């Protein structure tokens, strides 16, 4: 069955780093652009980063540019979000999303940045 399972969220101090993972199954992972979104309580869901299926082109939101990068390993059906220099405003639930599964959202993984 279709699944996108996020993991790796944690409590981290400002300036710290985390890497989130997204493992996809039940669909053609390698042919899907994969995006990372985040949502904090009471706030709109925000697109954080995207990596395309073919050329593995990447794009990151201005709010995280220079701090976050996205990668993928299609052999293990995994996308990763590498987060550096984390700030309190990065606190959110992070979700991955597949291009051809527009209505599917997993459980997400909580990232909390606090001293």
PDB file of N, CA and C in Angstrom:
ATOM      1  N   UNK A   1       0.839  -1.184   0.000  1.00  0.00           N
ATOM      2  CA  UNK A   1       0.000   0.000   0.000  1.00  0.00           C
ATOM      3  C   UNK A   1       0.881   1.244   0.000  1.00  0.00           C
ATOM      4  N   UNK A   2       0.304   2.324  -0.474  1.00  0.00           N
ATOM      5  CA  UNK A   2       1.033   3.577  -0.548  1.00  0.00           C
ATOM      6  C   UNK A   2       1.390   4.061   0.851  1.00  0.00           C
ATOM      7  N   UNK A   3       2.654   4.386   1.016  1.00  0.00           N
ATOM      8  CA  UNK A   3       3.115   4.931   2.283  1.00  0.00           C
ATOM      9  C   UNK A   3       4.244   5.917   2.052  1.00  0.00           C
ATOM     10  N   UNK A   4       4.246   6.962   2.833  1.00  0.00           N
ATOM     11  CA  UNK A   4       5.385   7.848   2.991  1.00  0.00           C
ATOM     12  C   UNK A   4       5.617   7.968   4.489  1.00  0.00           C
ATOM     13  N   UNK A   5       6.749   7.488   4.934  1.00  0.00           N
ATOM     14  CA  UNK A   5       7.032   7.425   6.355  1.00  0.00           C
ATOM     15  C   UNK A   5       8.211   8.325   6.669  1.00  0.00           C
ATOM     16  N   UNK A   6       7.946   9.354   7.442  1.00  0.00           N
ATOM     17  CA  UNK A   6       8.976  10.295   7.851  1.00  0.00           C
ATOM     18  C   UNK A   6       9.565   9.873   9.186  1.00  0.00           C
ATOM     19  N   UNK A   7      10.835  10.144   9.365  1.00  0.00           N
ATOM     20  CA  UNK A   7      11.488   9.853  10.632  1.00  0.00           C
ATOM     21  C   UNK A   7      12.679  10.788  10.817  1.00  0.00           C
ATOM     22  N   UNK A   8      13.197  10.815  12.015  1.00  0.00           N
ATOM     23  CA  UNK A   8      14.404  11.578  12.303  1.00  0.00           C
ATOM     24  C   UNK A   8      14.191  12.835  13.108  1.00  0.00           C
ATOM     25  N   UNK A   9      12.949  13.226  13.325  1.00  0.00           N
ATOM     26  CA  UNK A   9      12.690  14.421  14.101  1.00  0.00           C
ATOM     27  C   UNK A   9      13.144  14.260  15.541  1.00  0.00           C
ATOM     28  N   UNK A  10      13.496  15.378  16.153  1.00  0.00           N
ATOM     29  CA  UNK A  10      14.033  15.332  17.503  1.00  0.00           C
ATOM     30  C   UNK A  10      13.984  16.722  18.110  1.00  0.00           C
ATOM     31  N   UNK A  11      14.322  16.783  19.379  1.00  0.00           N
ATOM     32  CA  UNK A  11      14.563  18.048  20.058  1.00  0.00           C
ATOM     33  C   UNK A  11      16.030  18.398  19.878  1.00  0.00           C
ATOM     34  N   UNK A  12      16.297  19.598  19.391  1.00  0.00           N
ATOM     35  CA  UNK A  12      17.668  20.007  19.113  1.00  0.00           C
ATOM     36  C   UNK A  12      17.848  21.462  19.523  1.00  0.00           C
ATOM     37  N   UNK A  13      19.046  21.803  19.944  1.00  0.00           N
ATOM     38  CA  UNK A  13      19.336  23.173  20.332  1.00  0.00           C
ATOM     39  C   UNK A  13      19.572  24.058  19.118  1.00  0.00           C
ATOM     40  N   UNK A  14      19.310  25.355  19.250  1.00  0.00           N
ATOM     41  CA  UNK A  14      19.615  26.260  18.142  1.00  0.00           C
ATOM     42  C   UNK A  14      21.058  26.100  17.680  1.00  0.00           C
ATOM     43  N   UNK A  15      21.234  26.133  16.371  1.00  0.00           N
ATOM     44  CA  UNK A  15      22.543  25.924  15.783  1.00  0.00           C
ATOM     45  C   UNK A  15      22.863  24.478  15.488  1.00  0.00           C
ATOM     46  N   UNK A  16      22.039  23.583  15.961  1.00  0.00           N
ATOM     47  CA  UNK A  16      22.268  22.173  15.746  1.00  0.00           C
ATOM     48  C   UNK A  16      21.820  21.697  14.379  1.00  0.00           C
ATOM     49  N   UNK A  17      21.990  20.415  14.160  1.00  0.00           N
ATOM     50  CA  UNK A  17      21.676  19.805  12.873  1.00  0.00           C
ATOM     51  C   UNK A  17      20.843  18.551  13.059  1.00  0.00           C
ATOM     52  N   UNK A  18      20.033  18.266  12.072  1.00  0.00           N
ATOM     53  CA  UNK A  18      19.255  17.039  12.008  1.00  0.00           C
ATOM     54  C   UNK A  18      19.121  16.622  10.558  1.00  0.00           C
ATOM     55  N   UNK A  19      18.980  15.335  10.340  1.00  0.00           N
ATOM     56  CA  UNK A  19      18.635  14.821   9.024  1.00  0.00           C
ATOM     57  C   UNK A  19      17.357  14.012   9.136  1.00  0.00           C
ATOM     58  N   UNK A  20      16.373  14.403   8.354  1.00  0.00           N
ATOM     59  CA  UNK A  20      15.108  13.689   8.305  1.00  0.00           C
ATOM     60  C   UNK A  20      15.111  12.726   7.126  1.00  0.00           C
ATOM     61  N   UNK A  21      14.419  11.620   7.289  1.00  0.00           N
ATOM     62  CA  UNK A  21      14.303  10.635   6.226  1.00  0.00           C
ATOM     63  C   UNK A  21      12.848  10.420   5.864  1.00  0.00           C
ATOM     64  N   UNK A  22      12.630  10.104   4.610  1.00  0.00           N
ATOM     65  CA  UNK A  22      11.309   9.786   4.093  1.00  0.00           C
ATOM     66  C   UNK A  22      11.436   8.539   3.246  1.00  0.00           C
ATOM     67  N   UNK A  23      10.772   7.485   3.649  1.00  0.00           N
ATOM     68  CA  UNK A  23      10.799   6.227   2.913  1.00  0.00           C
ATOM     69  C   UNK A  23       9.448   6.016   2.254  1.00  0.00           C
ATOM     70  N   UNK A  24       9.452   5.851   0.950  1.00  0.00           N
ATOM     71  CA  UNK A  24       8.227   5.660   0.195  1.00  0.00           C
ATOM     72  C   UNK A  24       8.049   4.221  -0.254  1.00  0.00           C
ATOM     73  N   UNK A  25       6.807   3.790  -0.308  1.00  0.00           N
ATOM     74  CA  UNK A  25       6.496   2.453  -0.793  1.00  0.00           C
ATOM     75  C   UNK A  25       5.106   2.455  -1.418  1.00  0.00           C
ATOM     76  N   UNK A  26       4.857   1.482  -2.268  1.00  0.00           N
ATOM     77  CA  UNK A  26       3.552   1.331  -2.880  1.00  0.00           C
ATOM     78  C   UNK A  26       3.298   2.222  -4.080  1.00  0.00           C
ATOM     79  N   UNK A  27       4.321   2.881  -4.568  1.00  0.00           N
ATOM     80  CA  UNK A  27       4.206   3.731  -5.755  1.00  0.00           C
ATOM     81  C   UNK A  27       5.574   3.866  -6.397  1.00  0.00           C
ATOM     82  N   UNK A  28       5.611   4.506  -7.559  1.00  0.00           N
ATOM     83  CA  UNK A  28       6.865   4.636  -8.303  1.00  0.00           C
ATOM     84  C   UNK A  28       7.687   5.782  -7.737  1.00  0.00           C
ATOM     85  N   UNK A  29       8.390   5.486  -6.671  1.00  0.00           N
ATOM     86  CA  UNK A  29       9.139   6.506  -5.963  1.00  0.00           C
ATOM     87  C   UNK A  29      10.121   7.238  -6.870  1.00  0.00           C
ATOM     88  N   UNK A  30      10.846   6.494  -7.676  1.00  0.00           N
ATOM     89  CA  UNK A  30      11.912   7.086  -8.481  1.00  0.00           C
ATOM     90  C   UNK A  30      11.395   8.021  -9.563  1.00  0.00           C
ATOM     91  N   UNK A  31      10.122   7.931  -9.910  1.00  0.00           N
ATOM     92  CA  UNK A  31       9.540   8.773 -10.945  1.00  0.00           C
ATOM     93  C   UNK A  31       8.745   9.936 -10.375  1.00  0.00           C
ATOM     94  N   UNK A  32       8.826  10.130  -9.091  1.00  0.00           N
ATOM     95  CA  UNK A  32       8.114  11.212  -8.431  1.00  0.00           C
ATOM     96  C   UNK A  32       9.062  12.276  -7.908  1.00  0.00           C
ATOM     97  N   UNK A  33       8.741  13.527  -8.219  1.00  0.00           N
ATOM     98  CA  UNK A  33       9.358  14.605  -7.458  1.00  0.00           C
ATOM     99  C   UNK A  33       8.938  14.454  -5.998  1.00  0.00           C
ATOM    100  N   UNK A  34       9.869  14.696  -5.097  1.00  0.00           N
ATOM    101  CA  UNK A  34       9.588  14.613  -3.669  1.00  0.00           C
ATOM    102  C   UNK A  34       9.810  15.983  -3.040  1.00  0.00           C
ATOM    103  N   UNK A  35       8.842  16.415  -2.273  1.00  0.00           N
ATOM    104  CA  UNK A  35       8.934  17.694  -1.588  1.00  0.00           C
ATOM    105  C   UNK A  35       8.844  17.497  -0.087  1.00  0.00           C
ATOM    106  N   UNK A  36       9.468  18.399   0.626  1.00  0.00           N
ATOM    107  CA  UNK A  36       9.333  18.478   2.069  1.00  0.00           C
ATOM    108  C   UNK A  36       8.526  19.720   2.419  1.00  0.00           C
ATOM    109  N   UNK A  37       7.550  19.527   3.287  1.00  0.00           N
ATOM    110  CA  UNK A  37       6.739  20.605   3.824  1.00  0.00           C
ATOM    111  C   UNK A  37       6.882  20.613   5.338  1.00  0.00           C
ATOM    112  N   UNK A  38       6.526  21.722   5.932  1.00  0.00           N
ATOM    113  CA  UNK A  38       6.453  21.775   7.385  1.00  0.00           C
ATOM    114  C   UNK A  38       5.257  22.610   7.810  1.00  0.00           C
ATOM    115  N   UNK A  39       4.777  22.321   8.989  1.00  0.00           N
ATOM    116  CA  UNK A  39       3.646  23.058   9.525  1.00  0.00           C
ATOM    117  C   UNK A  39       3.782  23.187  11.034  1.00  0.00           C
ATOM    118  N   UNK A  40       3.765  24.412  11.489  1.00  0.00           N
ATOM    119  CA  UNK A  40       3.765  24.698  12.914  1.00  0.00           C
ATOM    120  C   UNK A  40       2.331  24.945  13.364  1.00  0.00           C
ATOM    121  N   UNK A  41       2.033  24.716  14.640  1.00  0.00           N
ATOM    122  CA  UNK A  41       0.675  24.940  15.128  1.00  0.00           C
ATOM    123  C   UNK A  41       0.182  26.351  14.825  1.00  0.00           C
ATOM    124  N   UNK A  42      -1.009  26.438  14.261  1.00  0.00           N
ATOM    125  CA  UNK A  42      -1.603  27.723  13.961  1.00  0.00           C
ATOM    126  C   UNK A  42      -1.046  28.422  12.738  1.00  0.00           C
ATOM    127  N   UNK A  43      -0.170  27.763  12.016  1.00  0.00           N
ATOM    128  CA  UNK A  43       0.448  28.371  10.844  1.00  0.00           C
ATOM    129  C   UNK A  43       0.136  27.573   9.590  1.00  0.00           C
ATOM    130  N   UNK A  44       0.289  28.216   8.455  1.00  0.00           N
ATOM    131  CA  UNK A  44       0.076  27.561   7.177  1.00  0.00           C
ATOM    132  C   UNK A  44       1.185  26.557   6.901  1.00  0.00           C
ATOM    133  N   UNK A  45       0.826  25.511   6.186  1.00  0.00           N
ATOM    134  CA  UNK A  45       1.822  24.561   5.727  1.00  0.00           C
ATOM    135  C   UNK A  45       2.753  25.247   4.735  1.00  0.00           C
ATOM    136  N   UNK A  46       4.034  25.016   4.887  1.00  0.00           N
ATOM    137  CA  UNK A  46       5.051  25.707   4.120  1.00  0.00           C
ATOM    138  C   UNK A  46       5.887  24.713   3.323  1.00  0.00           C
ATOM    139  N   UNK A  47       6.055  24.985   2.046  1.00  0.00           N
ATOM    140  CA  UNK A  47       6.973  24.196   1.232  1.00  0.00           C
ATOM    141  C   UNK A  47       8.400  24.550   1.619  1.00  0.00           C
ATOM    142  N   UNK A  48       9.175  23.532   1.936  1.00  0.00           N
ATOM    143  CA  UNK A  48      10.543  23.725   2.399  1.00  0.00           C
ATOM    144  C   UNK A  48      11.554  23.443   1.301  1.00  0.00           C
ATOM    145  N   UNK A  49      11.393  22.321   0.616  1.00  0.00           N
ATOM    146  CA  UNK A  49      12.369  21.922  -0.390  1.00  0.00           C
ATOM    147  C   UNK A  49      11.759  20.892  -1.318  1.00  0.00           C
ATOM    148  N   UNK A  50      12.301  20.817  -2.521  1.00  0.00           N
ATOM    149  CA  UNK A  50      11.865  19.846  -3.518  1.00  0.00           C
ATOM    150  C   UNK A  50      13.080  19.256  -4.214  1.00  0.00           C
ATOM    151  N   UNK A  51      13.003  17.980  -4.526  1.00  0.00           N
ATOM    152  CA  UNK A  51      14.004  17.340  -5.366  1.00  0.00           C
ATOM    153  C   UNK A  51      13.265  16.583  -6.455  1.00  0.00           C
ATOM    154  N   UNK A  52      13.670  16.794  -7.699  1.00  0.00           N
ATOM    155  CA  UNK A  52      12.961  16.207  -8.822  1.00  0.00           C
ATOM    156  C   UNK A  52      13.373  14.758  -9.042  1.00  0.00           C
ATOM    157  N   UNK A  53      12.584  14.060  -9.838  1.00  0.00           N
ATOM    158  CA  UNK A  53      12.781  12.633 -10.025  1.00  0.00           C
ATOM    159  C   UNK A  53      13.934  12.288 -10.947  1.00  0.00           C
ATOM    160  N   UNK A  54      14.117  13.057 -12.006  1.00  0.00           N
ATOM    161  CA  UNK A  54      15.075  12.716 -13.039  1.00  0.00           C
ATOM    162  C   UNK A  54      16.462  13.261 -12.798  1.00  0.00           C
ATOM    163  N   UNK A  55      16.618  14.545 -13.019  1.00  0.00           N
ATOM    164  CA  UNK A  55      17.911  15.191 -12.856  1.00  0.00           C
ATOM    165  C   UNK A  55      18.267  15.461 -11.399  1.00  0.00           C
ATOM    166  N   UNK A  56      17.363  15.181 -10.497  1.00  0.00           N
ATOM    167  CA  UNK A  56      17.552  15.455  -9.072  1.00  0.00           C
ATOM    168  C   UNK A  56      17.877  16.929  -8.844  1.00  0.00           C
ATOM    169  N   UNK A  57      17.166  17.758  -9.575  1.00  0.00           N
ATOM    170  CA  UNK A  57      17.254  19.188  -9.332  1.00  0.00           C
ATOM    171  C   UNK A  57      16.631  19.500  -7.984  1.00  0.00           C
ATOM    172  N   UNK A  58      17.187  20.479  -7.313  1.00  0.00           N
ATOM    173  CA  UNK A  58      16.691  20.819  -5.988  1.00  0.00           C
ATOM    174  C   UNK A  58      16.319  22.280  -5.906  1.00  0.00           C
ATOM    175  N   UNK A  59      15.420  22.565  -5.007  1.00  0.00           N
ATOM    176  CA  UNK A  59      15.022  23.926  -4.727  1.00  0.00           C
ATOM    177  C   UNK A  59      14.683  24.006  -3.249  1.00  0.00           C
ATOM    178  N   UNK A  60      15.027  25.107  -2.636  1.00  0.00           N
ATOM    179  CA  UNK A  60      14.722  25.312  -1.227  1.00  0.00           C
ATOM    180  C   UNK A  60      14.069  26.662  -1.025  1.00  0.00           C
ATOM    181  N   UNK A  61      13.219  26.728  -0.032  1.00  0.00           N
ATOM    182  CA  UNK A  61      12.543  27.966   0.294  1.00  0.00           C
ATOM    183  C   UNK A  61      13.531  28.989   0.831  1.00  0.00           C
ATOM    184  N   UNK A  62      13.201  30.255   0.628  1.00  0.00           N
ATOM    185  CA  UNK A  62      14.075  31.322   1.101  1.00  0.00           C
ATOM    186  C   UNK A  62      14.333  31.226   2.605  1.00  0.00           C
ATOM    187  N   UNK A  63      13.345  30.770   3.345  1.00  0.00           N
ATOM    188  CA  UNK A  63      13.472  30.710   4.789  1.00  0.00           C
ATOM    189  C   UNK A  63      14.528  29.713   5.267  1.00  0.00           C
ATOM    190  N   UNK A  64      14.884  28.758   4.407  1.00  0.00           N
ATOM    191  CA  UNK A  64      15.862  27.748   4.793  1.00  0.00           C
ATOM    192  C   UNK A  64      17.055  27.695   3.855  1.00  0.00           C
ATOM    193  N   UNK A  65      17.057  28.532   2.850  1.00  0.00           N
ATOM    194  CA  UNK A  65      18.123  28.513   1.858  1.00  0.00           C
ATOM    195  C   UNK A  65      19.482  28.725   2.512  1.00  0.00           C
ATOM    196  N   UNK A  66      20.424  27.881   2.116  1.00  0.00           N
ATOM    197  CA  UNK A  66      21.756  27.940   2.684  1.00  0.00           C
ATOM    198  C   UNK A  66      21.920  27.133   3.945  1.00  0.00           C
ATOM    199  N   UNK A  67      20.829  26.684   4.518  1.00  0.00           N
ATOM    200  CA  UNK A  67      20.873  25.888   5.735  1.00  0.00           C
ATOM    201  C   UNK A  67      20.381  24.460   5.527  1.00  0.00           C
ATOM    202  N   UNK A  68      19.385  24.286   4.670  1.00  0.00           N
ATOM    203  CA  UNK A  68      18.800  22.973   4.417  1.00  0.00           C
ATOM    204  C   UNK A  68      19.156  22.514   3.010  1.00  0.00           C
ATOM    205  N   UNK A  69      19.371  21.228   2.859  1.00  0.00           N
ATOM    206  CA  UNK A  69      19.511  20.620   1.548  1.00  0.00           C
ATOM    207  C   UNK A  69      18.680  19.349   1.490  1.00  0.00           C
ATOM    208  N   UNK A  70      18.297  18.965   0.288  1.00  0.00           N
ATOM    209  CA  UNK A  70      17.491  17.771   0.099  1.00  0.00           C
ATOM    210  C   UNK A  70      18.234  16.816  -0.829  1.00  0.00           C
ATOM    211  N   UNK A  71      18.123  15.531  -0.551  1.00  0.00           N
ATOM    212  CA  UNK A  71      18.756  14.516  -1.375  1.00  0.00           C
ATOM    213  C   UNK A  71      17.821  13.328  -1.502  1.00  0.00           C
ATOM    214  N   UNK A  72      18.166  12.410  -2.388  1.00  0.00           N
ATOM    215  CA  UNK A  72      17.384  11.189  -2.504  1.00  0.00           C
ATOM    216  C   UNK A  72      18.256  10.029  -2.937  1.00  0.00           C
ATOM    217  N   UNK A  73      17.856   8.847  -2.532  1.00  0.00           N
ATOM    218  CA  UNK A  73      18.493   7.612  -2.933  1.00  0.00           C
ATOM    219  C   UNK A  73      17.372   6.693  -3.389  1.00  0.00           C
ATOM    220  N   UNK A  74      17.175   6.634  -4.696  1.00  0.00           N
ATOM    221  CA  UNK A  74      16.046   5.878  -5.227  1.00  0.00           C
ATOM    222  C   UNK A  74      16.201   4.378  -5.002  1.00  0.00           C
ATOM    223  N   UNK A  75      17.431   3.913  -4.855  1.00  0.00           N
ATOM    224  CA  UNK A  75      17.657   2.498  -4.618  1.00  0.00           C
ATOM    225  C   UNK A  75      17.025   2.005  -3.334  1.00  0.00           C
ATOM    226  N   UNK A  76      16.975   2.850  -2.344  1.00  0.00           N
ATOM    227  CA  UNK A  76      16.326   2.501  -1.087  1.00  0.00           C
ATOM    228  C   UNK A  76      15.070   3.322  -0.866  1.00  0.00           C
ATOM    229  N   UNK A  77      14.570   3.940  -1.930  1.00  0.00           N
ATOM    230  CA  UNK A  77      13.306   4.661  -1.918  1.00  0.00           C
ATOM    231  C   UNK A  77      13.242   5.668  -0.774  1.00  0.00           C
ATOM    232  N   UNK A  78      14.296   6.433  -0.644  1.00  0.00           N
ATOM    233  CA  UNK A  78      14.434   7.340   0.484  1.00  0.00           C
ATOM    234  C   UNK A  78      14.819   8.739   0.035  1.00  0.00           C
ATOM    235  N   UNK A  79      14.141   9.725   0.578  1.00  0.00           N
ATOM    236  CA  UNK A  79      14.534  11.114   0.448  1.00  0.00           C
ATOM    237  C   UNK A  79      14.941  11.634   1.814  1.00  0.00           C
ATOM    238  N   UNK A  80      15.873  12.550   1.827  1.00  0.00           N
ATOM    239  CA  UNK A  80      16.363  13.097   3.076  1.00  0.00           C
ATOM    240  C   UNK A  80      16.353  14.614   3.034  1.00  0.00           C
ATOM    241  N   UNK A  81      16.128  15.190   4.183  1.00  0.00           N
ATOM    242  CA  UNK A  81      16.235  16.620   4.367  1.00  0.00           C
ATOM    243  C   UNK A  81      17.321  16.856   5.398  1.00  0.00           C
ATOM    244  N   UNK A  82      18.395  17.481   4.959  1.00  0.00           N
ATOM    245  CA  UNK A  82      19.536  17.759   5.819  1.00  0.00           C
ATOM    246  C   UNK A  82      19.400  19.188   6.329  1.00  0.00           C
ATOM    247  N   UNK A  83      19.308  19.332   7.626  1.00  0.00           N
ATOM    248  CA  UNK A  83      19.036  20.615   8.241  1.00  0.00           C
ATOM    249  C   UNK A  83      20.214  21.026   9.106  1.00  0.00           C
ATOM    250  N   UNK A  84      20.757  22.193   8.813  1.00  0.00           N
ATOM    251  CA  UNK A  84      21.870  22.745   9.574  1.00  0.00           C
ATOM    252  C   UNK A  84      21.499  24.105  10.133  1.00  0.00           C
ATOM    253  N   UNK A  85      22.240  24.526  11.131  1.00  0.00           N
ATOM    254  CA  UNK A  85      22.014  25.828  11.760  1.00  0.00           C
ATOM    255  C   UNK A  85      20.541  26.024  12.087  1.00  0.00           C
ATOM    256  N   UNK A  86      19.987  25.068  12.775  1.00  0.00           N
ATOM    257  CA  UNK A  86      18.564  25.114  13.090  1.00  0.00           C
ATOM    258  C   UNK A  86      18.233  26.274  14.021  1.00  0.00           C
ATOM    259  N   UNK A  87      17.071  26.829  13.793  1.00  0.00           N
ATOM    260  CA  UNK A  87      16.596  27.981  14.536  1.00  0.00           C
ATOM    261  C   UNK A  87      15.244  27.668  15.148  1.00  0.00           C
ATOM    262  N   UNK A  88      14.858  28.370  16.210  1.00  0.00           N
ATOM    263  CA  UNK A  88      13.558  28.094  16.828  1.00  0.00           C
ATOM    264  C   UNK A  88      12.394  28.167  15.845  1.00  0.00           C
ATOM    265  N   UNK A  89      12.466  29.046  14.870  1.00  0.00           N
ATOM    266  CA  UNK A  89      11.387  29.160  13.900  1.00  0.00           C
ATOM    267  C   UNK A  89      11.302  27.976  12.945  1.00  0.00           C
ATOM    268  N   UNK A  90      12.275  27.079  12.997  1.00  0.00           N
ATOM    269  CA  UNK A  90      12.202  25.844  12.230  1.00  0.00           C
ATOM    270  C   UNK A  90      11.346  24.789  12.920  1.00  0.00           C
ATOM    271  N   UNK A  91      10.933  25.047  14.134  1.00  0.00           N
ATOM    272  CA  UNK A  91      10.105  24.108  14.874  1.00  0.00           C
ATOM    273  C   UNK A  91       8.787  23.871  14.141  1.00  0.00           C
ATOM    274  N   UNK A  92       8.509  22.623  13.835  1.00  0.00           N
ATOM    275  CA  UNK A  92       7.314  22.268  13.071  1.00  0.00           C
ATOM    276  C   UNK A  92       7.249  20.758  12.935  1.00  0.00           C
ATOM    277  N   UNK A  93       6.114  20.286  12.446  1.00  0.00           N
ATOM    278  CA  UNK A  93       6.020  18.918  11.963  1.00  0.00           C
ATOM    279  C   UNK A  93       6.412  18.921  10.500  1.00  0.00           C
ATOM    280  N   UNK A  94       7.328  18.059  10.133  1.00  0.00           N
ATOM    281  CA  UNK A  94       7.839  17.991   8.775  1.00  0.00           C
ATOM    282  C   UNK A  94       7.247  16.786   8.053  1.00  0.00           C
ATOM    283  N   UNK A  95       6.795  17.024   6.830  1.00  0.00           N
ATOM    284  CA  UNK A  95       6.171  16.003   6.006  1.00  0.00           C
ATOM    285  C   UNK A  95       6.876  15.900   4.666  1.00  0.00           C
ATOM    286  N   UNK A  96       6.933  14.708   4.123  1.00  0.00           N
ATOM    287  CA  UNK A  96       7.339  14.565   2.735  1.00  0.00           C
ATOM    288  C   UNK A  96       6.100  14.316   1.882  1.00  0.00           C
ATOM    289  N   UNK A  97       6.225  14.608   0.593  1.00  0.00           N
ATOM    290  CA  UNK A  97       5.082  14.577  -0.305  1.00  0.00           C
ATOM    291  C   UNK A  97       5.545  14.168  -1.687  1.00  0.00           C
ATOM    292  N   UNK A  98       4.772  13.297  -2.316  1.00  0.00           N
ATOM    293  CA  UNK A  98       5.106  12.797  -3.645  1.00  0.00           C
ATOM    294  C   UNK A  98       4.253  13.480  -4.703  1.00  0.00           C
ATOM    295  N   UNK A  99       4.885  13.844  -5.785  1.00  0.00           N
ATOM    296  CA  UNK A  99       4.250  14.587  -6.870  1.00  0.00           C
ATOM    297  C   UNK A  99       2.938  13.984  -7.353  1.00  0.00           C
ATOM    298  N   UNK A 100       2.905  12.678  -7.589  1.00  0.00           N
ATOM    299  CA  UNK A 100       1.720  12.042  -8.165  1.00  0.00           C
ATOM    300  C   UNK A 100       0.754  11.496  -7.118  1.00  0.00           C
ATOM    301  N   UNK A 101       0.987  11.816  -5.867  1.00  0.00           N
ATOM    302  CA  UNK A 101       0.078  11.469  -4.785  1.00  0.00           C
ATOM    303  C   UNK A 101      -0.320  12.752  -4.061  1.00  0.00           C
ATOM    304  N   UNK A 102      -1.041  13.619  -4.757  1.00  0.00           N
ATOM    305  CA  UNK A 102      -1.248  14.968  -4.206  1.00  0.00           C
ATOM    306  C   UNK A 102      -2.066  15.014  -2.922  1.00  0.00           C
ATOM    307  N   UNK A 103      -2.886  14.002  -2.683  1.00  0.00           N
ATOM    308  CA  UNK A 103      -3.733  14.013  -1.504  1.00  0.00           C
ATOM    309  C   UNK A 103      -3.203  13.156  -0.365  1.00  0.00           C
ATOM    310  N   UNK A 104      -2.050  12.554  -0.555  1.00  0.00           N
ATOM    311  CA  UNK A 104      -1.516  11.668   0.469  1.00  0.00           C
ATOM    312  C   UNK A 104      -0.512  12.391   1.361  1.00  0.00           C
ATOM    313  N   UNK A 105      -0.756  12.294   2.648  1.00  0.00           N
ATOM    314  CA  UNK A 105       0.159  12.836   3.649  1.00  0.00           C
ATOM    315  C   UNK A 105       0.375  11.793   4.731  1.00  0.00           C
ATOM    316  N   UNK A 106       1.625  11.610   5.106  1.00  0.00           N
ATOM    317  CA  UNK A 106       1.933  10.704   6.189  1.00  0.00           C
ATOM    318  C   UNK A 106       1.756  11.368   7.542  1.00  0.00           C
ATOM    319  N   UNK A 107       2.344  10.761   8.545  1.00  0.00           N
ATOM    320  CA  UNK A 107       2.193  11.261   9.903  1.00  0.00           C
ATOM    321  C   UNK A 107       3.116  12.422  10.231  1.00  0.00           C
ATOM    322  N   UNK A 108       4.167  12.580   9.453  1.00  0.00           N
ATOM    323  CA  UNK A 108       5.127  13.630   9.718  1.00  0.00           C
ATOM    324  C   UNK A 108       6.052  13.280  10.872  1.00  0.00           C
ATOM    325  N   UNK A 109       7.043  14.126  11.066  1.00  0.00           N
ATOM    326  CA  UNK A 109       7.973  13.942  12.170  1.00  0.00           C
ATOM    327  C   UNK A 109       8.250  15.298  12.813  1.00  0.00           C
ATOM    328  N   UNK A 110       8.222  15.322  14.122  1.00  0.00           N
ATOM    329  CA  UNK A 110       8.313  16.570  14.866  1.00  0.00           C
ATOM    330  C   UNK A 110       9.765  17.004  15.029  1.00  0.00           C
ATOM    331  N   UNK A 111      10.026  18.243  14.661  1.00  0.00           N
ATOM    332  CA  UNK A 111      11.315  18.874  14.911  1.00  0.00           C
ATOM    333  C   UNK A 111      11.082  20.038  15.864  1.00  0.00           C
ATOM    334  N   UNK A 112      11.762  20.012  16.980  1.00  0.00           N
ATOM    335  CA  UNK A 112      11.655  21.082  17.956  1.00  0.00           C
ATOM    336  C   UNK A 112      13.036  21.667  18.202  1.00  0.00           C
ATOM    337  N   UNK A 113      13.162  22.956  17.964  1.00  0.00           N
ATOM    338  CA  UNK A 113      14.434  23.654  18.140  1.00  0.00           C
ATOM    339  C   UNK A 113      14.286  24.596  19.322  1.00  0.00           C
ATOM    340  N   UNK A 114      14.981  24.302  20.378  1.00  0.00           N
ATOM    341  CA  UNK A 114      14.837  25.079  21.604  1.00  0.00           C
ATOM    342  C   UNK A 114      16.080  24.925  22.464  1.00  0.00           C
ATOM    343  N   UNK A 115      16.406  25.988  23.172  1.00  0.00           N
ATOM    344  CA  UNK A 115      17.504  25.940  24.118  1.00  0.00           C
ATOM    345  C   UNK A 115      17.041  25.517  25.502  1.00  0.00           C
TER     346      UNK A 115
END
